[in-house]
Amino acid sequence: MVEEFARHGHMALILGGSSGLGLAAAKKLATHGMGICIVHRNSRSEMQEIEMSFKEIEDTGIPFLAFNTDASNAEKRMDVLKKLQAYKGRFRCLLHSIAKGSLKAMNAAAESHLTTDDFRITMEHMAYNLYDWTRGLHQEGLFAADARVLAFTSEGSRKAWTHYGAVATAKAALEAIVRNIALEFASSGIRANCIQAGITPTASMKKIPGSEVLEQYTQKRNPFGRLTRPEDVAGVVYLLCKDEAAWINGNIIPVDGGEHIC
């Protein structure tokens, strides 16, 4: 494998990189020589399997760091950024892959319905903190000269799915934040784009009530007759980090085998 990012010492900071799309992207970038820093939030019982995945990344020989902390906490965010000072000017990629949001239905029993607090917490984790991290890396001088801010969105940002109201709202806000990052940070050499992944059977997807029905429908709908795989999405993260992708900015890029056109 050509270690194209290693010669510049490029790094990627992945928010929510211990599973799913974020972990797949970390593995892909590492095989191309990009150093990896993962910020994740997991319990002790989950860490045994996660550490095995992290070891796979370390075994590629790239610089690797992981912080098990709350990415939405301002004090903890600053603590991580201070610990990354040795990598100043090297972060080619900031990838937002946090999937922490409420999956309550709006029209449900009084004790279990979606509340405005559920919206707020979901927005903080799945939208607002991308801006906080982007601004933080920029202020600390951690971004490389030609940096890429990437975030995962979904078709649910524009389509209504039961139980997805809070997450859909956060995804729509995330897309708006990315567009403005693309506009307002361009003068600092930062490109920003959203990747709209197709229906992907990750652990986060499985938590959505009725996800199995959505998966069955998607297999029939998709031109290729299958679901999106984490590796499909990771490949596009890699492509967007390459020099040749420098003129792609402010876009929502579907990575779904054409699912969105059907």
Protein backbone atom coordinates (compact mmCIF):
# COMPACT_ATOMS: atom_id res chain seq x y z
CA MET A 1 0.00 0.00 0.00
CA VAL A 2 1.32 3.45 -0.92
CA GLU A 3 1.78 5.45 2.28
CA GLU A 4 1.03 8.74 0.58
CA PHE A 5 0.15 10.66 3.74
CA ALA A 6 3.17 9.51 5.75
CA ARG A 7 5.69 11.62 3.86
CA HIS A 8 3.97 14.78 5.12
CA GLY A 9 3.27 13.40 8.59
CA HIS A 10 -0.45 13.91 8.06
CA MET A 11 -2.88 13.04 10.85
CA ALA A 12 -6.64 12.48 11.11
CA LEU A 13 -8.74 13.32 14.16
CA ILE A 14 -11.84 11.13 14.19
CA LEU A 15 -14.70 11.96 16.53
CA GLY A 16 -16.55 8.72 17.25
CA GLY A 17 -14.01 6.41 15.67
CA SER A 18 -14.34 3.31 17.84
CA SER A 19 -16.95 1.59 15.65
CA GLY A 20 -18.95 1.77 12.43
CA LEU A 21 -18.07 4.30 9.74
CA GLY A 22 -15.53 6.15 11.88
CA LEU A 23 -13.53 3.01 12.66
CA ALA A 24 -13.63 1.87 9.04
CA ALA A 25 -12.32 5.29 7.96
CA ALA A 26 -9.55 5.15 10.58
CA LYS A 27 -8.38 1.77 9.28
CA LYS A 28 -8.47 2.91 5.66
CA LEU A 29 -6.53 6.12 6.29
CA ALA A 30 -3.98 4.27 8.43
CA THR A 31 -3.19 1.85 5.59
CA HIS A 32 -2.29 4.88 3.47
CA GLY A 33 0.10 6.24 6.08
CA MET A 34 -2.08 8.77 7.88
CA GLY A 35 -1.62 9.03 11.63
CA ILE A 36 -4.82 8.51 13.61
CA CYS A 37 -6.27 10.15 16.70
CA ILE A 38 -9.63 8.79 17.84
CA VAL A 39 -11.89 10.51 20.35
CA HIS A 40 -14.58 8.12 21.52
CA ARG A 41 -16.86 7.41 24.46
CA ASN A 42 -17.19 3.78 25.50
CA SER A 43 -17.75 1.76 28.66
CA ARG A 44 -15.16 -0.56 30.17
CA SER A 45 -17.14 -3.61 29.01
CA GLU A 46 -16.94 -2.42 25.39
CA MET A 47 -13.23 -1.73 25.42
CA GLN A 48 -11.87 -5.25 24.96
CA GLU A 49 -13.24 -5.53 21.42
CA ILE A 50 -12.43 -1.90 20.65
CA GLU A 51 -8.82 -2.30 21.76
CA MET A 52 -8.43 -5.19 19.32
CA SER A 53 -9.51 -2.88 16.51
CA PHE A 54 -7.19 -0.15 17.76
CA LYS A 55 -4.29 -2.63 17.75
CA GLU A 56 -4.96 -3.35 14.07
CA ILE A 57 -4.50 0.34 13.39
CA GLU A 58 -1.36 0.58 15.54
CA ASP A 59 0.12 -2.43 13.75
CA THR A 60 0.22 -0.45 10.51
CA GLY A 61 3.06 1.53 12.11
CA ILE A 62 1.45 4.97 11.96
CA PRO A 63 1.23 7.35 14.97
CA PHE A 64 -1.89 6.41 16.93
CA LEU A 65 -3.65 8.06 19.86
CA ALA A 66 -7.04 7.41 21.46
CA PHE A 67 -8.96 9.39 24.06
CA ASN A 68 -11.96 7.82 25.79
CA THR A 69 -13.73 11.03 26.73
CA ASP A 70 -16.82 13.14 26.09
CA ALA A 71 -16.26 14.96 22.79
CA SER A 72 -19.07 17.42 23.60
CA ASN A 73 -17.55 18.60 26.87
CA ALA A 74 -15.67 21.89 26.32
CA GLU A 75 -13.11 21.29 29.08
CA LYS A 76 -12.31 17.77 27.88
CA ARG A 77 -12.10 18.96 24.30
CA MET A 78 -9.50 21.54 25.25
CA ASP A 79 -7.59 18.90 27.21
CA VAL A 80 -7.36 16.71 24.10
CA LEU A 81 -6.30 19.64 21.93
CA LYS A 82 -3.53 20.56 24.36
CA LYS A 83 -2.25 16.97 24.28
CA LEU A 84 -2.02 17.18 20.47
CA GLN A 85 0.40 20.11 20.40
CA ALA A 86 3.21 17.80 19.29
CA TYR A 87 1.26 17.34 16.03
CA LYS A 88 0.80 21.02 15.26
CA GLY A 89 0.13 21.73 11.60
CA ARG A 90 -0.30 18.05 10.75
CA PHE A 91 -4.04 17.35 10.91
CA ARG A 92 -5.14 16.86 7.32
CA CYS A 93 -8.55 15.52 8.34
CA LEU A 94 -11.18 16.15 10.99
CA LEU A 95 -13.92 13.53 10.67
CA HIS A 96 -17.20 13.72 12.59
CA SER A 97 -18.68 10.27 13.10
CA ILE A 98 -20.58 10.66 16.38
CA ALA A 99 -23.85 8.76 16.56
CA LYS A 100 -25.31 9.68 19.92
CA GLY A 101 -28.89 10.86 19.74
CA SER A 102 -32.42 10.20 20.87
CA LEU A 103 -34.48 7.70 18.90
CA LYS A 104 -37.78 8.40 20.64
CA ALA A 105 -40.93 8.90 18.59
CA MET A 106 -42.77 12.22 18.66
CA ASN A 107 -46.27 10.73 18.90
CA ALA A 108 -45.66 8.30 21.75
CA ALA A 109 -46.90 7.76 25.29
CA ALA A 110 -46.38 10.77 27.56
CA GLU A 111 -43.57 9.14 29.50
CA SER A 112 -41.54 8.12 26.42
CA HIS A 113 -42.16 10.81 23.81
CA LEU A 114 -39.44 12.94 22.24
CA THR A 115 -38.75 16.07 24.30
CA THR A 116 -36.99 19.32 23.59
CA ASP A 117 -34.20 18.17 25.92
CA ASP A 118 -33.76 15.11 23.68
CA PHE A 119 -33.44 17.45 20.70
CA ARG A 120 -30.89 19.61 22.53
CA ILE A 121 -28.67 16.70 23.60
CA THR A 122 -28.80 15.16 20.12
CA MET A 123 -27.91 18.47 18.50
CA GLU A 124 -24.97 19.00 20.85
CA HIS A 125 -23.45 15.61 20.06
CA MET A 126 -24.32 15.24 16.39
CA ALA A 127 -24.08 18.80 15.08
CA TYR A 128 -22.76 21.63 17.25
CA ASN A 129 -19.59 19.95 18.39
CA LEU A 130 -18.24 19.69 14.83
CA TYR A 131 -18.01 23.48 14.82
CA ASP A 132 -16.42 23.48 18.29
CA TRP A 133 -13.73 21.01 17.20
CA THR A 134 -13.13 22.77 13.89
CA ARG A 135 -12.65 26.09 15.62
CA GLY A 136 -10.53 24.47 18.33
CA LEU A 137 -8.11 22.81 15.90
CA HIS A 138 -7.91 26.04 13.92
CA GLN A 139 -7.17 28.19 16.96
CA GLU A 140 -4.52 25.77 18.23
CA GLY A 141 -2.79 25.68 14.84
CA LEU A 142 -3.30 21.93 14.52
CA PHE A 143 -4.73 21.87 11.00
CA ALA A 144 -2.45 21.18 8.04
CA ALA A 145 -2.26 23.84 5.35
CA ASP A 146 -4.75 21.93 3.16
CA ALA A 147 -7.17 20.41 5.67
CA ARG A 148 -10.42 18.52 5.17
CA VAL A 149 -13.39 18.68 7.55
CA LEU A 150 -15.75 15.78 6.87
CA ALA A 151 -19.01 14.71 8.49
CA PHE A 152 -21.40 11.83 7.99
CA THR A 153 -25.00 12.66 7.19
CA SER A 154 -27.92 10.58 5.94
CA GLU A 155 -30.92 10.72 3.67
CA GLY A 156 -32.93 11.09 6.87
CA SER A 157 -31.89 14.75 7.00
CA ARG A 158 -34.49 15.35 4.30
CA LYS A 159 -36.85 12.38 4.64
CA ALA A 160 -39.12 11.67 7.58
CA TRP A 161 -38.55 8.39 9.41
CA THR A 162 -40.40 7.46 12.59
CA HIS A 163 -38.12 7.64 15.66
CA TYR A 164 -35.59 9.70 13.66
CA GLY A 165 -36.91 13.20 14.39
CA ALA A 166 -34.12 14.34 16.71
CA VAL A 167 -31.34 12.77 14.63
CA ALA A 168 -32.84 14.13 11.39
CA THR A 169 -32.86 17.62 12.88
CA ALA A 170 -29.23 17.25 13.95
CA LYS A 171 -28.19 15.93 10.53
CA ALA A 172 -29.88 18.87 8.78
CA ALA A 173 -28.08 21.26 11.15
CA LEU A 174 -24.80 19.40 10.61
CA GLU A 175 -25.11 19.92 6.85
CA ALA A 176 -25.72 23.64 7.35
CA ILE A 177 -22.70 23.90 9.68
CA VAL A 178 -20.50 22.13 7.14
CA ARG A 179 -21.60 24.51 4.38
CA ASN A 180 -20.65 27.51 6.47
CA ILE A 181 -17.34 25.97 7.51
CA ALA A 182 -16.68 25.50 3.78
CA LEU A 183 -17.38 29.18 3.21
CA GLU A 184 -15.88 30.84 6.26
CA PHE A 185 -12.75 28.71 6.78
CA ALA A 186 -11.76 28.51 3.10
CA SER A 187 -9.38 31.42 3.62
CA SER A 188 -7.49 29.19 6.07
CA GLY A 189 -7.15 26.39 3.51
CA ILE A 190 -9.91 24.23 5.00
CA ARG A 191 -12.32 22.30 2.78
CA ALA A 192 -15.52 20.93 4.31
CA ASN A 193 -17.95 18.35 2.95
CA CYS A 194 -20.66 15.96 4.11
CA ILE A 195 -20.73 12.32 3.10
CA GLN A 196 -24.28 11.01 2.82
CA ALA A 197 -23.88 7.30 3.48
CA GLY A 198 -26.53 4.89 2.28
CA ILE A 199 -28.29 2.56 4.67
CA THR A 200 -25.40 0.78 6.41
CA PRO A 201 -25.92 -2.04 8.94
CA THR A 202 -23.79 -0.55 11.72
CA ALA A 203 -24.50 -0.89 15.43
CA SER A 204 -25.96 2.63 15.43
CA MET A 205 -28.29 1.78 12.55
CA LYS A 206 -29.50 -1.35 14.34
CA LYS A 207 -30.67 0.80 17.27
CA ILE A 208 -33.31 2.54 15.13
CA PRO A 209 -36.68 0.86 15.75
CA GLY A 210 -37.80 -0.79 12.52
CA SER A 211 -34.31 -0.72 11.00
CA GLU A 212 -34.70 -4.26 9.67
CA VAL A 213 -37.67 -3.13 7.55
CA LEU A 214 -35.65 -0.19 6.22
CA GLU A 215 -32.77 -2.51 5.36
CA GLN A 216 -35.04 -4.92 3.47
CA TYR A 217 -36.62 -2.06 1.51
CA THR A 218 -33.20 -0.59 0.71
CA GLN A 219 -31.86 -3.86 -0.72
CA LYS A 220 -34.75 -3.87 -3.19
CA ARG A 221 -34.39 -0.15 -3.93
CA ASN A 222 -30.63 0.04 -4.39
CA PRO A 223 -29.47 -0.33 -8.02
CA PHE A 224 -26.83 -2.84 -6.87
CA GLY A 225 -29.23 -4.78 -4.67
CA ARG A 226 -27.22 -4.49 -1.48
CA LEU A 227 -26.70 -2.26 1.53
CA THR A 228 -23.83 0.19 1.85
CA ARG A 229 -20.80 -1.18 3.70
CA PRO A 230 -18.57 0.79 6.07
CA GLU A 231 -15.66 0.13 3.70
CA ASP A 232 -17.56 1.82 0.85
CA VAL A 233 -17.80 4.99 2.89
CA ALA A 234 -14.24 4.76 4.23
CA GLY A 235 -12.95 4.70 0.66
CA VAL A 236 -14.57 8.06 -0.04
CA VAL A 237 -13.14 9.57 3.16
CA TYR A 238 -9.73 8.53 1.83
CA LEU A 239 -10.43 10.00 -1.62
CA LEU A 240 -11.53 13.34 -0.13
CA CYS A 241 -8.28 13.55 1.84
CA LYS A 242 -6.12 13.23 -1.27
CA ASP A 243 -4.46 16.21 -2.96
CA GLU A 244 -6.63 15.67 -6.03
CA ALA A 245 -9.81 16.38 -3.99
CA ALA A 246 -8.71 19.89 -3.01
CA TRP A 247 -11.36 21.60 -5.16
CA ILE A 248 -14.29 19.72 -3.62
CA ASN A 249 -15.82 22.02 -1.02
CA GLY A 250 -19.24 22.62 0.52
CA ASN A 251 -20.91 19.51 -0.88
CA ILE A 252 -23.16 16.70 0.28
CA ILE A 253 -21.75 13.64 -1.46
CA PRO A 254 -23.97 10.54 -1.65
CA VAL A 255 -22.09 7.28 -1.12
CA ASP A 256 -24.85 4.75 -1.58
CA GLY A 257 -24.48 3.01 -4.95
CA GLY A 258 -27.24 5.22 -6.39
CA GLU A 259 -29.76 4.49 -3.65
CA HIS A 260 -30.84 8.13 -3.46
CA ILE A 261 -31.94 8.28 -7.11
CA CYS A 262 -34.53 5.50 -6.75
